[in-house]
Structure formats: C-alpha cells, structure tokens
Amino acid sequence: MTVWPKQEVTALEAGYVRLPGDDQQKLRLRAVILRIRIEAVVLSITTGVFTDNNWPSRVRHKLLLSVGAPGLSADRRVERLRVVRRASSTYESLCDLLHGNGPGLHPPLGDLNLWSDAVDELEAELS
C-alpha cells in the first residue's frame, strides 16, 4: 500500500523536471504523476463514510462525497461538483492510458495539459 504525502509528490515533480528529455519523451511519466496527485488529494479527504482511507480506492466516490462537505453554500457545491467531475474524468482517462486501454502508448500533449489543469484545479479546490 502506497500513501502519497505532499512532500513525496513534490519530490516526484522535481525528479520529473530533472530527467533528461523533453516533455514529449516523458508523457507517460507525467501521466503517472498526475494520477498520483489525484490520489494524494483523495487521501486527504475525510469522508466519514469510507473506513479504508489509507488507499485511494473508490476515487470517484470519495471525490463526489466531498461535494457534500459541511459549510459549502449551494453555489460552492455546484462549483465543486464541476471540479470533481472534471477530475474524475481525468482520473479515468489516466487509468485507461496507464493500463493500456487506449489507442496509443502516449497521450497527446494537449490532453496531458488539459489533465494537468484539471488536477491543479482539484488541488486548489480541496486544499
């Protein structure tokens, strides 16, 4: 079981930057890091519903449960739902790519940039 504390995710990001090659050559590695970042966010969510909070299983369910967090206004819930849906879709795309369930071995750079934006947005929303 792997838990991804923030400092380990930061170290992975720094390691990615230092690796030789350009972004095009490191697309799959970037996809792995994005998936890990989503899982790290999920690990930080305390839902009170799932007792297996040591592993980011049920990523989509835990993200959706965050929409019902106490203290969120109706407008904030709508915005959070938008962010969570985008992140869930990104997570599914990353999993498909990394498990070989797609048309190619490497995602288009444009897709990777969109996924990165979705993960940034999720981290900002749930931090």
N, C-alpha and C. Protein backbone atom coordinates (compact mmCIF):
# COMPACT_ATOMS: atom_id res chain seq x y z
N MET A 1 0.84 -1.17 0.00
CA MET A 1 0.00 0.00 0.00
C MET A 1 0.89 1.23 0.00
N THR A 2 0.64 2.13 -0.94
CA THR A 2 1.44 3.34 -1.05
C THR A 2 0.58 4.53 -0.68
N VAL A 3 1.11 5.37 0.17
CA VAL A 3 0.46 6.61 0.54
C VAL A 3 1.33 7.73 0.00
N TRP A 4 0.73 8.74 -0.60
CA TRP A 4 1.48 9.80 -1.26
C TRP A 4 1.35 11.11 -0.50
N PRO A 5 2.19 11.30 0.52
CA PRO A 5 2.16 12.60 1.19
C PRO A 5 2.61 13.71 0.24
N LYS A 6 2.22 14.92 0.55
CA LYS A 6 2.53 16.08 -0.30
C LYS A 6 4.02 16.18 -0.62
N GLN A 7 4.89 15.96 0.37
CA GLN A 7 6.33 16.11 0.11
C GLN A 7 6.84 15.06 -0.88
N GLU A 8 6.26 13.86 -0.87
CA GLU A 8 6.67 12.85 -1.85
C GLU A 8 6.20 13.21 -3.25
N VAL A 9 5.01 13.77 -3.35
CA VAL A 9 4.51 14.21 -4.66
C VAL A 9 5.39 15.33 -5.18
N THR A 10 5.76 16.26 -4.31
CA THR A 10 6.65 17.35 -4.70
C THR A 10 7.99 16.81 -5.17
N ALA A 11 8.51 15.80 -4.49
CA ALA A 11 9.79 15.19 -4.88
C ALA A 11 9.67 14.51 -6.25
N LEU A 12 8.54 13.85 -6.52
CA LEU A 12 8.33 13.24 -7.83
C LEU A 12 8.31 14.31 -8.93
N GLU A 13 7.62 15.41 -8.66
CA GLU A 13 7.56 16.50 -9.63
C GLU A 13 8.96 17.04 -9.92
N ALA A 14 9.74 17.24 -8.88
CA ALA A 14 11.10 17.76 -9.05
C ALA A 14 11.97 16.76 -9.83
N GLY A 15 11.80 15.48 -9.55
CA GLY A 15 12.54 14.45 -10.27
C GLY A 15 12.18 14.42 -11.74
N TYR A 16 10.92 14.61 -12.04
CA TYR A 16 10.45 14.64 -13.42
C TYR A 16 11.16 15.75 -14.19
N VAL A 17 11.24 16.93 -13.58
CA VAL A 17 11.86 18.08 -14.23
C VAL A 17 13.34 17.81 -14.52
N ARG A 18 14.02 17.11 -13.61
CA ARG A 18 15.46 16.86 -13.75
C ARG A 18 15.78 15.74 -14.74
N LEU A 19 14.82 14.90 -15.08
CA LEU A 19 15.10 13.81 -16.01
C LEU A 19 15.45 14.35 -17.39
N PRO A 20 16.37 13.66 -18.08
CA PRO A 20 16.70 14.11 -19.43
C PRO A 20 15.53 13.89 -20.38
N GLY A 21 15.51 14.66 -21.41
CA GLY A 21 14.45 14.54 -22.42
C GLY A 21 13.46 15.67 -22.32
N ASP A 22 12.68 15.81 -23.36
CA ASP A 22 11.67 16.86 -23.36
C ASP A 22 10.33 16.29 -22.89
N ASP A 23 9.35 17.18 -22.78
CA ASP A 23 8.03 16.76 -22.30
C ASP A 23 7.44 15.65 -23.16
N GLN A 24 7.65 15.71 -24.46
CA GLN A 24 7.11 14.69 -25.36
C GLN A 24 7.67 13.31 -25.03
N GLN A 25 8.92 13.24 -24.61
CA GLN A 25 9.56 11.96 -24.29
C GLN A 25 9.15 11.45 -22.90
N LYS A 26 8.57 12.31 -22.10
CA LYS A 26 8.24 11.93 -20.72
C LYS A 26 6.73 11.95 -20.46
N LEU A 27 5.93 11.79 -21.51
CA LEU A 27 4.48 11.91 -21.37
C LEU A 27 3.88 10.88 -20.41
N ARG A 28 4.28 9.63 -20.52
CA ARG A 28 3.71 8.59 -19.64
C ARG A 28 4.09 8.85 -18.19
N LEU A 29 5.31 9.27 -17.96
CA LEU A 29 5.73 9.57 -16.60
C LEU A 29 4.91 10.73 -16.04
N ARG A 30 4.66 11.73 -16.86
CA ARG A 30 3.83 12.86 -16.44
C ARG A 30 2.42 12.37 -16.09
N ALA A 31 1.90 11.45 -16.88
CA ALA A 31 0.57 10.89 -16.61
C ALA A 31 0.56 10.16 -15.26
N VAL A 32 1.61 9.41 -14.96
CA VAL A 32 1.71 8.71 -13.67
C VAL A 32 1.68 9.73 -12.53
N ILE A 33 2.44 10.80 -12.68
CA ILE A 33 2.50 11.82 -11.62
C ILE A 33 1.14 12.48 -11.44
N LEU A 34 0.43 12.75 -12.52
CA LEU A 34 -0.91 13.34 -12.39
C LEU A 34 -1.85 12.40 -11.65
N ARG A 35 -1.77 11.13 -11.97
CA ARG A 35 -2.62 10.16 -11.27
C ARG A 35 -2.29 10.13 -9.78
N ILE A 36 -1.02 10.14 -9.46
CA ILE A 36 -0.59 10.15 -8.05
C ILE A 36 -1.08 11.42 -7.34
N ARG A 37 -1.05 12.54 -8.04
CA ARG A 37 -1.53 13.79 -7.43
C ARG A 37 -3.02 13.71 -7.11
N ILE A 38 -3.80 13.12 -8.00
CA ILE A 38 -5.24 12.96 -7.71
C ILE A 38 -5.42 12.05 -6.51
N GLU A 39 -4.68 10.94 -6.47
CA GLU A 39 -4.78 10.01 -5.35
C GLU A 39 -4.37 10.68 -4.03
N ALA A 40 -3.38 11.55 -4.07
CA ALA A 40 -2.96 12.27 -2.87
C ALA A 40 -4.08 13.17 -2.37
N VAL A 41 -4.80 13.82 -3.28
CA VAL A 41 -5.93 14.65 -2.88
C VAL A 41 -7.00 13.79 -2.24
N VAL A 42 -7.29 12.65 -2.85
CA VAL A 42 -8.32 11.76 -2.32
C VAL A 42 -7.95 11.28 -0.92
N LEU A 43 -6.68 10.99 -0.71
CA LEU A 43 -6.24 10.55 0.62
C LEU A 43 -6.46 11.62 1.68
N SER A 44 -6.47 12.87 1.26
CA SER A 44 -6.64 13.96 2.22
C SER A 44 -8.11 14.20 2.58
N ILE A 45 -9.01 13.57 1.84
CA ILE A 45 -10.44 13.76 2.09
C ILE A 45 -10.88 12.86 3.23
N THR A 46 -11.45 13.44 4.25
CA THR A 46 -12.04 12.66 5.33
C THR A 46 -13.53 12.63 5.09
N THR A 47 -14.04 11.48 4.70
CA THR A 47 -15.45 11.41 4.35
C THR A 47 -16.33 10.93 5.49
N GLY A 48 -15.79 10.17 6.40
CA GLY A 48 -16.62 9.61 7.46
C GLY A 48 -17.46 8.45 6.97
N VAL A 49 -17.43 8.16 5.68
CA VAL A 49 -18.21 7.08 5.11
C VAL A 49 -17.32 5.88 4.84
N PHE A 50 -16.16 6.12 4.26
CA PHE A 50 -15.23 5.05 3.93
C PHE A 50 -14.23 4.89 5.05
N THR A 51 -14.06 3.68 5.50
CA THR A 51 -13.10 3.43 6.58
C THR A 51 -11.74 3.04 6.05
N ASP A 52 -11.64 2.82 4.75
CA ASP A 52 -10.38 2.41 4.15
C ASP A 52 -9.64 3.62 3.58
N ASN A 53 -9.54 4.68 4.36
CA ASN A 53 -8.95 5.92 3.87
C ASN A 53 -7.43 5.84 3.69
N ASN A 54 -6.82 4.67 3.90
CA ASN A 54 -5.39 4.52 3.71
C ASN A 54 -5.01 4.32 2.25
N TRP A 55 -5.95 4.08 1.41
CA TRP A 55 -5.66 3.87 -0.01
C TRP A 55 -6.72 4.58 -0.83
N PRO A 56 -6.34 5.16 -1.93
CA PRO A 56 -7.30 5.95 -2.70
C PRO A 56 -8.26 5.13 -3.54
N SER A 57 -8.71 3.99 -3.01
CA SER A 57 -9.71 3.23 -3.74
C SER A 57 -11.00 4.04 -3.75
N ARG A 58 -11.82 3.76 -4.71
CA ARG A 58 -13.08 4.48 -4.84
C ARG A 58 -12.84 5.98 -5.02
N VAL A 59 -11.91 6.31 -5.87
CA VAL A 59 -11.53 7.71 -6.08
C VAL A 59 -12.75 8.54 -6.44
N ARG A 60 -13.51 8.09 -7.42
CA ARG A 60 -14.67 8.87 -7.86
C ARG A 60 -15.68 9.06 -6.73
N HIS A 61 -15.95 8.00 -5.97
CA HIS A 61 -16.91 8.10 -4.87
C HIS A 61 -16.46 9.11 -3.82
N LYS A 62 -15.20 9.06 -3.45
CA LYS A 62 -14.70 9.97 -2.42
C LYS A 62 -14.71 11.42 -2.92
N LEU A 63 -14.36 11.60 -4.17
CA LEU A 63 -14.42 12.96 -4.71
C LEU A 63 -15.86 13.48 -4.71
N LEU A 64 -16.79 12.64 -5.13
CA LEU A 64 -18.20 13.07 -5.14
C LEU A 64 -18.71 13.37 -3.74
N LEU A 65 -18.28 12.58 -2.76
CA LEU A 65 -18.72 12.85 -1.39
C LEU A 65 -18.20 14.20 -0.88
N SER A 66 -17.10 14.67 -1.42
CA SER A 66 -16.58 15.97 -0.98
C SER A 66 -17.51 17.12 -1.35
N VAL A 67 -18.40 16.89 -2.30
CA VAL A 67 -19.36 17.91 -2.70
C VAL A 67 -20.34 18.20 -1.55
N GLY A 68 -20.56 17.22 -0.70
CA GLY A 68 -21.47 17.40 0.43
C GLY A 68 -20.80 17.88 1.70
N ALA A 69 -19.59 18.41 1.59
CA ALA A 69 -18.86 18.87 2.78
C ALA A 69 -19.67 19.92 3.53
N PRO A 70 -19.65 19.83 4.86
CA PRO A 70 -20.38 20.83 5.65
C PRO A 70 -19.85 22.24 5.39
N GLY A 71 -20.77 23.19 5.40
CA GLY A 71 -20.38 24.59 5.28
C GLY A 71 -20.30 25.13 3.87
N LEU A 72 -20.49 24.28 2.86
CA LEU A 72 -20.46 24.77 1.49
C LEU A 72 -21.82 25.34 1.12
N SER A 73 -21.82 26.51 0.52
CA SER A 73 -23.07 27.09 0.03
C SER A 73 -23.51 26.32 -1.21
N ALA A 74 -24.73 26.57 -1.64
CA ALA A 74 -25.25 25.88 -2.83
C ALA A 74 -24.39 26.22 -4.05
N ASP A 75 -23.97 27.46 -4.17
CA ASP A 75 -23.12 27.84 -5.30
C ASP A 75 -21.77 27.15 -5.24
N ARG A 76 -21.18 27.04 -4.06
CA ARG A 76 -19.89 26.37 -3.89
C ARG A 76 -20.02 24.89 -4.20
N ARG A 77 -21.15 24.28 -3.83
CA ARG A 77 -21.37 22.87 -4.14
C ARG A 77 -21.42 22.64 -5.65
N VAL A 78 -22.08 23.55 -6.36
CA VAL A 78 -22.16 23.44 -7.82
C VAL A 78 -20.76 23.55 -8.42
N GLU A 79 -19.97 24.50 -7.95
CA GLU A 79 -18.61 24.67 -8.45
C GLU A 79 -17.75 23.45 -8.11
N ARG A 80 -17.87 22.96 -6.88
CA ARG A 80 -17.08 21.79 -6.50
C ARG A 80 -17.48 20.58 -7.34
N LEU A 81 -18.75 20.41 -7.60
CA LEU A 81 -19.20 19.30 -8.43
C LEU A 81 -18.59 19.39 -9.83
N ARG A 82 -18.51 20.59 -10.38
CA ARG A 82 -17.89 20.77 -11.69
C ARG A 82 -16.42 20.35 -11.65
N VAL A 83 -15.70 20.79 -10.63
CA VAL A 83 -14.28 20.46 -10.49
C VAL A 83 -14.10 18.96 -10.29
N VAL A 84 -14.93 18.36 -9.46
CA VAL A 84 -14.83 16.93 -9.16
C VAL A 84 -15.15 16.09 -10.39
N ARG A 85 -16.15 16.48 -11.14
CA ARG A 85 -16.46 15.73 -12.37
C ARG A 85 -15.31 15.78 -13.36
N ARG A 86 -14.70 16.94 -13.49
CA ARG A 86 -13.56 17.07 -14.40
C ARG A 86 -12.39 16.21 -13.92
N ALA A 87 -12.13 16.24 -12.62
CA ALA A 87 -11.03 15.44 -12.07
C ALA A 87 -11.32 13.95 -12.19
N SER A 88 -12.57 13.55 -11.97
CA SER A 88 -12.93 12.13 -12.11
C SER A 88 -12.74 11.65 -13.54
N SER A 89 -13.15 12.46 -14.48
CA SER A 89 -12.97 12.12 -15.89
C SER A 89 -11.48 12.03 -16.23
N THR A 90 -10.70 12.95 -15.69
CA THR A 90 -9.25 12.93 -15.90
C THR A 90 -8.65 11.66 -15.32
N TYR A 91 -9.08 11.31 -14.11
CA TYR A 91 -8.55 10.10 -13.46
C TYR A 91 -8.85 8.86 -14.30
N GLU A 92 -10.07 8.76 -14.80
CA GLU A 92 -10.44 7.62 -15.64
C GLU A 92 -9.59 7.57 -16.91
N SER A 93 -9.37 8.72 -17.52
CA SER A 93 -8.53 8.78 -18.73
C SER A 93 -7.10 8.37 -18.43
N LEU A 94 -6.57 8.84 -17.31
CA LEU A 94 -5.21 8.47 -16.91
C LEU A 94 -5.10 6.97 -16.67
N CYS A 95 -6.08 6.41 -15.97
CA CYS A 95 -6.07 4.97 -15.69
C CYS A 95 -6.14 4.18 -16.99
N ASP A 96 -7.01 4.59 -17.91
CA ASP A 96 -7.11 3.91 -19.20
C ASP A 96 -5.77 3.94 -19.93
N LEU A 97 -5.15 5.10 -19.95
CA LEU A 97 -3.86 5.23 -20.62
C LEU A 97 -2.81 4.34 -19.97
N LEU A 98 -2.72 4.40 -18.67
CA LEU A 98 -1.65 3.68 -17.97
C LEU A 98 -1.87 2.17 -17.94
N HIS A 99 -3.11 1.74 -18.12
CA HIS A 99 -3.42 0.32 -18.17
C HIS A 99 -3.49 -0.20 -19.61
N GLY A 100 -3.15 0.65 -20.56
CA GLY A 100 -3.12 0.22 -21.96
C GLY A 100 -4.47 0.10 -22.61
N ASN A 101 -5.48 0.78 -22.08
CA ASN A 101 -6.83 0.67 -22.64
C ASN A 101 -7.14 1.82 -23.59
N GLY A 102 -6.17 2.24 -24.35
CA GLY A 102 -6.38 3.34 -25.27
C GLY A 102 -5.73 3.05 -26.60
N PRO A 103 -5.82 4.02 -27.50
CA PRO A 103 -5.30 3.81 -28.85
C PRO A 103 -3.78 3.86 -28.95
N GLY A 104 -3.10 4.44 -27.99
CA GLY A 104 -1.65 4.55 -28.11
C GLY A 104 -0.96 4.47 -26.76
N LEU A 105 0.35 4.45 -26.82
CA LEU A 105 1.13 4.38 -25.59
C LEU A 105 1.30 5.73 -24.92
N HIS A 106 1.23 6.79 -25.71
CA HIS A 106 1.47 8.12 -25.18
C HIS A 106 0.26 9.01 -25.45
N PRO A 107 -0.13 9.79 -24.46
CA PRO A 107 -1.25 10.71 -24.69
C PRO A 107 -0.77 11.90 -25.51
N PRO A 108 -1.67 12.53 -26.25
CA PRO A 108 -1.28 13.77 -26.92
C PRO A 108 -0.92 14.82 -25.87
N LEU A 109 0.05 15.65 -26.16
CA LEU A 109 0.48 16.68 -25.22
C LEU A 109 -0.68 17.59 -24.83
N GLY A 110 -1.58 17.87 -25.78
CA GLY A 110 -2.74 18.71 -25.47
C GLY A 110 -3.63 18.09 -24.40
N ASP A 111 -3.85 16.78 -24.49
CA ASP A 111 -4.65 16.09 -23.47
C ASP A 111 -3.95 16.16 -22.12
N LEU A 112 -2.66 15.93 -22.13
CA LEU A 112 -1.90 15.97 -20.89
C LEU A 112 -1.98 17.34 -20.24
N ASN A 113 -1.93 18.39 -21.03
CA ASN A 113 -2.04 19.75 -20.49
C ASN A 113 -3.43 19.99 -19.89
N LEU A 114 -4.47 19.49 -20.56
CA LEU A 114 -5.82 19.62 -20.01
C LEU A 114 -5.97 18.85 -18.70
N TRP A 115 -5.41 17.65 -18.66
CA TRP A 115 -5.46 16.84 -17.43
C TRP A 115 -4.70 17.53 -16.31
N SER A 116 -3.57 18.11 -16.64
CA SER A 116 -2.78 18.82 -15.63
C SER A 116 -3.58 20.00 -15.05
N ASP A 117 -4.27 20.73 -15.92
CA ASP A 117 -5.12 21.83 -15.46
C ASP A 117 -6.21 21.33 -14.53
N ALA A 118 -6.81 20.19 -14.87
CA ALA A 118 -7.88 19.63 -14.03
C ALA A 118 -7.35 19.23 -12.66
N VAL A 119 -6.14 18.68 -12.61
CA VAL A 119 -5.54 18.28 -11.33
C VAL A 119 -5.18 19.51 -10.51
N ASP A 120 -4.62 20.53 -11.16
CA ASP A 120 -4.33 21.79 -10.46
C ASP A 120 -5.60 22.36 -9.83
N GLU A 121 -6.67 22.35 -10.61
CA GLU A 121 -7.95 22.89 -10.14
C GLU A 121 -8.49 22.07 -8.96
N LEU A 122 -8.36 20.75 -9.03
CA LEU A 122 -8.81 19.89 -7.94
C LEU A 122 -8.02 20.17 -6.67
N GLU A 123 -6.71 20.27 -6.80
CA GLU A 123 -5.87 20.55 -5.63
C GLU A 123 -6.23 21.90 -5.01
N ALA A 124 -6.49 22.89 -5.84
CA ALA A 124 -6.87 24.21 -5.32
C ALA A 124 -8.23 24.14 -4.62
N GLU A 125 -9.14 23.38 -5.19
CA GLU A 125 -10.50 23.29 -4.63
C GLU A 125 -10.50 22.55 -3.28
N LEU A 126 -9.72 21.50 -3.18
CA LEU A 126 -9.81 20.65 -1.99
C LEU A 126 -8.64 20.81 -1.02
N SER A 127 -7.82 21.83 -1.24
CA SER A 127 -6.70 22.03 -0.31
C SER A 127 -7.12 22.86 0.88
